[in-house]
Each structure stands twice: as C-alpha cells, then as structure tokens.
Amino acid sequence: MNRRQRQKMIPSTWIIALKQTETRKYYALYAIDWKRGARLSWEGWNSLADLLQFHIPIKRKTGGTKSASQPAAKIAKKALHLHLDETQYTELEQLFYQPFSKKQWSAFIKEHANNHM
C-alpha cells in the first residue's frame, strides 16, 4: 500500500445515531476506519428520510479513480443503529473527538448496540 492509499479512509463500520430529546429527534452518521484509525461524521438531520437521501463523499475502493459519492440509503442496511439519550450522545461525541482507541469504541458500541437494538 503506498502513501496515498494509506492516507485514504475506507470505512469499515457505519453508525447511524439517533439522539432523542424531550422535544425532538436528531440524526447523525458516523464512519469508522479501524485499520487507519480514522473517523468522519455528518450531523444535522431531523428525519431518517432526509439522512438516507444524503450522498456520502467517500470512495469505496483504495485504488479507485472515481470520486462518485454513494447514498446513505445504501449503507443503512449494514450500519449500526444506536438510539441514544442526551447523556449517551454526549459520551459518543467525546469518544469521537478523543485520540482513537479501538478498545473504547468497541466497548461503547457493544454496550449501546445490545441495549437498544
């Protein structure tokens, strides 16, 4: 793998997080590349339908030359769906901005995926 390929992010885990507050729902999409320790997020949807229409600007193949995006609806089937309250969502955001730790991410996903799926 050359330097350009190592710098490229290829997500292996997708997370669709729903933050439930008393007044509204809020959706966010997270992409994690375990191999490179990289992560990206997109936020700001009030409905799942709007999120699924979003086109994700990430290439799927390491050596690919095409820069076409893919719709979020395509990855929604394989994404982890987490239903979080405000405290849990804050914990997710803190984890997202800390230095990458696969152990912490795995523990968080395991805890919340089992309780809310």
C-alpha atoms as a PDB file:
ATOM      1  CA  MET A   1       0.000   0.000   0.000  1.00  0.00           C
ATOM      2  CA  ASN A   2       1.540   3.320  -0.990  1.00  0.00           C
ATOM      3  CA  ARG A   3       1.391   6.594   0.979  1.00  0.00           C
ATOM      4  CA  ARG A   4      -1.637   7.952  -0.892  1.00  0.00           C
ATOM      5  CA  GLN A   5      -3.548   4.742  -0.256  1.00  0.00           C
ATOM      6  CA  ARG A   6      -2.635   4.761   3.449  1.00  0.00           C
ATOM      7  CA  GLN A   7      -3.971   8.312   3.789  1.00  0.00           C
ATOM      8  CA  LYS A   8      -7.283   7.419   2.197  1.00  0.00           C
ATOM      9  CA  MET A   9     -10.125   6.500   4.506  1.00  0.00           C
ATOM     10  CA  ILE A  10     -12.140   3.365   3.780  1.00  0.00           C
ATOM     11  CA  PRO A  11     -14.876   2.988   6.421  1.00  0.00           C
ATOM     12  CA  SER A  12     -15.479  -0.480   7.756  1.00  0.00           C
ATOM     13  CA  THR A  13     -18.097   0.467  10.363  1.00  0.00           C
ATOM     14  CA  TRP A  14     -21.035   2.802   9.899  1.00  0.00           C
ATOM     15  CA  ILE A  15     -23.143   4.133  12.759  1.00  0.00           C
ATOM     16  CA  ILE A  16     -26.472   5.915  12.490  1.00  0.00           C
ATOM     17  CA  ALA A  17     -27.074   7.566  15.840  1.00  0.00           C
ATOM     18  CA  LEU A  18     -30.449   8.900  16.928  1.00  0.00           C
ATOM     19  CA  LYS A  19     -30.341  11.441  19.739  1.00  0.00           C
ATOM     20  CA  GLN A  20     -33.725  11.544  21.406  1.00  0.00           C
ATOM     21  CA  THR A  21     -34.529  14.651  23.434  1.00  0.00           C
ATOM     22  CA  GLU A  22     -37.807  15.657  25.012  1.00  0.00           C
ATOM     23  CA  THR A  23     -38.698  17.949  22.124  1.00  0.00           C
ATOM     24  CA  ARG A  24     -37.140  16.392  19.001  1.00  0.00           C
ATOM     25  CA  LYS A  25     -35.101  13.683  17.302  1.00  0.00           C
ATOM     26  CA  TYR A  26     -31.669  14.357  15.845  1.00  0.00           C
ATOM     27  CA  TYR A  27     -29.769  12.033  13.468  1.00  0.00           C
ATOM     28  CA  ALA A  28     -26.020  11.757  12.880  1.00  0.00           C
ATOM     29  CA  LEU A  29     -23.958   9.477  10.662  1.00  0.00           C
ATOM     30  CA  TYR A  30     -20.520   8.215  11.708  1.00  0.00           C
ATOM     31  CA  ALA A  31     -17.920   6.342   9.641  1.00  0.00           C
ATOM     32  CA  ILE A  32     -15.010   4.493  11.250  1.00  0.00           C
ATOM     33  CA  ASP A  33     -11.946   3.062   9.504  1.00  0.00           C
ATOM     34  CA  TRP A  34     -10.451   0.663  12.071  1.00  0.00           C
ATOM     35  CA  LYS A  35      -7.354  -0.107  10.004  1.00  0.00           C
ATOM     36  CA  ARG A  36      -6.215   3.515   9.745  1.00  0.00           C
ATOM     37  CA  GLY A  37      -7.757   4.806  12.986  1.00  0.00           C
ATOM     38  CA  ALA A  38      -9.799   7.367  11.069  1.00  0.00           C
ATOM     39  CA  ARG A  39     -13.341   8.584  11.611  1.00  0.00           C
ATOM     40  CA  LEU A  40     -15.736  11.025   9.987  1.00  0.00           C
ATOM     41  CA  SER A  41     -19.157  12.306  10.955  1.00  0.00           C
ATOM     42  CA  TRP A  42     -22.071  14.141   9.408  1.00  0.00           C
ATOM     43  CA  GLU A  43     -24.834  15.651  11.547  1.00  0.00           C
ATOM     44  CA  GLY A  44     -27.986  17.672  11.379  1.00  0.00           C
ATOM     45  CA  TRP A  45     -30.937  15.625  10.147  1.00  0.00           C
ATOM     46  CA  ASN A  46     -34.339  15.810  11.791  1.00  0.00           C
ATOM     47  CA  SER A  47     -35.699  12.754   9.998  1.00  0.00           C
ATOM     48  CA  LEU A  48     -34.304   9.435   8.854  1.00  0.00           C
ATOM     49  CA  ALA A  49     -35.670  10.026   5.352  1.00  0.00           C
ATOM     50  CA  ASP A  50     -33.531  13.153   4.985  1.00  0.00           C
ATOM     51  CA  LEU A  51     -30.445  11.282   6.217  1.00  0.00           C
ATOM     52  CA  LEU A  52     -30.986   8.466   3.722  1.00  0.00           C
ATOM     53  CA  GLN A  53     -31.000  10.965   0.831  1.00  0.00           C
ATOM     54  CA  PHE A  54     -27.569  12.323   1.810  1.00  0.00           C
ATOM     55  CA  HIS A  55     -24.727  11.386  -0.571  1.00  0.00           C
ATOM     56  CA  ILE A  56     -21.581  10.330   1.281  1.00  0.00           C
ATOM     57  CA  PRO A  57     -18.411  11.706  -0.358  1.00  0.00           C
ATOM     58  CA  ILE A  58     -16.172   8.666   0.258  1.00  0.00           C
ATOM     59  CA  LYS A  59     -14.589   6.372  -2.308  1.00  0.00           C
ATOM     60  CA  ARG A  60     -15.183   2.674  -1.718  1.00  0.00           C
ATOM     61  CA  LYS A  61     -12.005   1.245  -3.287  1.00  0.00           C
ATOM     62  CA  THR A  62      -8.447   2.035  -2.235  1.00  0.00           C
ATOM     63  CA  GLY A  63      -7.053   2.262  -5.760  1.00  0.00           C
ATOM     64  CA  GLY A  64     -10.197   3.693  -7.311  1.00  0.00           C
ATOM     65  CA  THR A  65     -10.045   6.738  -9.540  1.00  0.00           C
ATOM     66  CA  LYS A  66     -13.718   7.639  -9.448  1.00  0.00           C
ATOM     67  CA  SER A  67     -14.817  10.237  -6.936  1.00  0.00           C
ATOM     68  CA  ALA A  68     -18.525   9.480  -7.065  1.00  0.00           C
ATOM     69  CA  SER A  69     -20.371   9.520  -3.780  1.00  0.00           C
ATOM     70  CA  GLN A  70     -22.799   6.919  -2.550  1.00  0.00           C
ATOM     71  CA  PRO A  71     -26.213   7.477  -0.969  1.00  0.00           C
ATOM     72  CA  ALA A  72     -26.563   6.896   2.758  1.00  0.00           C
ATOM     73  CA  ALA A  73     -29.501   4.604   1.996  1.00  0.00           C
ATOM     74  CA  LYS A  74     -27.006   2.146   0.514  1.00  0.00           C
ATOM     75  CA  ILE A  75     -25.066   1.785   3.768  1.00  0.00           C
ATOM     76  CA  ALA A  76     -28.098   1.994   6.072  1.00  0.00           C
ATOM     77  CA  LYS A  77     -28.659  -1.772   5.885  1.00  0.00           C
ATOM     78  CA  LYS A  78     -25.226  -2.578   7.280  1.00  0.00           C
ATOM     79  CA  ALA A  79     -24.948   0.391   9.662  1.00  0.00           C
ATOM     80  CA  LEU A  80     -25.310   0.038  13.409  1.00  0.00           C
ATOM     81  CA  HIS A  81     -28.371   1.928  14.586  1.00  0.00           C
ATOM     82  CA  LEU A  82     -27.951   3.426  18.044  1.00  0.00           C
ATOM     83  CA  HIS A  83     -30.803   5.112  19.930  1.00  0.00           C
ATOM     84  CA  LEU A  84     -29.181   7.386  22.486  1.00  0.00           C
ATOM     85  CA  ASP A  85     -30.382   9.808  25.108  1.00  0.00           C
ATOM     86  CA  GLU A  86     -28.614  13.147  25.642  1.00  0.00           C
ATOM     87  CA  THR A  87     -26.042  11.739  28.100  1.00  0.00           C
ATOM     88  CA  GLN A  88     -25.150   8.803  25.864  1.00  0.00           C
ATOM     89  CA  TYR A  89     -24.912  11.075  22.816  1.00  0.00           C
ATOM     90  CA  THR A  90     -22.519  13.375  24.696  1.00  0.00           C
ATOM     91  CA  GLU A  91     -20.429  10.310  25.545  1.00  0.00           C
ATOM     92  CA  LEU A  92     -20.363   9.374  21.840  1.00  0.00           C
ATOM     93  CA  GLU A  93     -19.242  12.875  20.844  1.00  0.00           C
ATOM     94  CA  GLN A  94     -16.469  12.872  23.456  1.00  0.00           C
ATOM     95  CA  LEU A  95     -15.293   9.471  22.247  1.00  0.00           C
ATOM     96  CA  PHE A  96     -15.343  10.729  18.670  1.00  0.00           C
ATOM     97  CA  TYR A  97     -13.026  13.671  19.382  1.00  0.00           C
ATOM     98  CA  GLN A  98     -10.575  11.851  21.686  1.00  0.00           C
ATOM     99  CA  PRO A  99      -7.458  10.150  20.325  1.00  0.00           C
ATOM    100  CA  PHE A 100      -8.537   6.969  18.557  1.00  0.00           C
ATOM    101  CA  SER A 101      -8.910   3.915  20.789  1.00  0.00           C
ATOM    102  CA  LYS A 102     -10.388   0.796  19.220  1.00  0.00           C
ATOM    103  CA  LYS A 103     -10.968  -0.695  22.682  1.00  0.00           C
ATOM    104  CA  GLN A 104     -13.074   2.287  23.852  1.00  0.00           C
ATOM    105  CA  TRP A 105     -15.053   2.364  20.589  1.00  0.00           C
ATOM    106  CA  SER A 106     -15.742  -1.370  20.740  1.00  0.00           C
ATOM    107  CA  ALA A 107     -16.892  -1.132  24.372  1.00  0.00           C
ATOM    108  CA  PHE A 108     -19.209   1.795  23.593  1.00  0.00           C
ATOM    109  CA  ILE A 109     -20.715   0.113  20.537  1.00  0.00           C
ATOM    110  CA  LYS A 110     -21.153  -3.204  22.334  1.00  0.00           C
ATOM    111  CA  GLU A 111     -22.862  -1.571  25.313  1.00  0.00           C
ATOM    112  CA  HIS A 112     -25.294   0.570  23.334  1.00  0.00           C
ATOM    113  CA  ALA A 113     -25.966  -1.741  20.399  1.00  0.00           C
ATOM    114  CA  ASN A 114     -27.079  -4.580  22.697  1.00  0.00           C
ATOM    115  CA  ASN A 115     -29.330  -2.358  24.825  1.00  0.00           C
ATOM    116  CA  HIS A 116     -31.100  -0.511  22.025  1.00  0.00           C
ATOM    117  CA  MET A 117     -31.415  -2.815  19.030  1.00  0.00           C
END
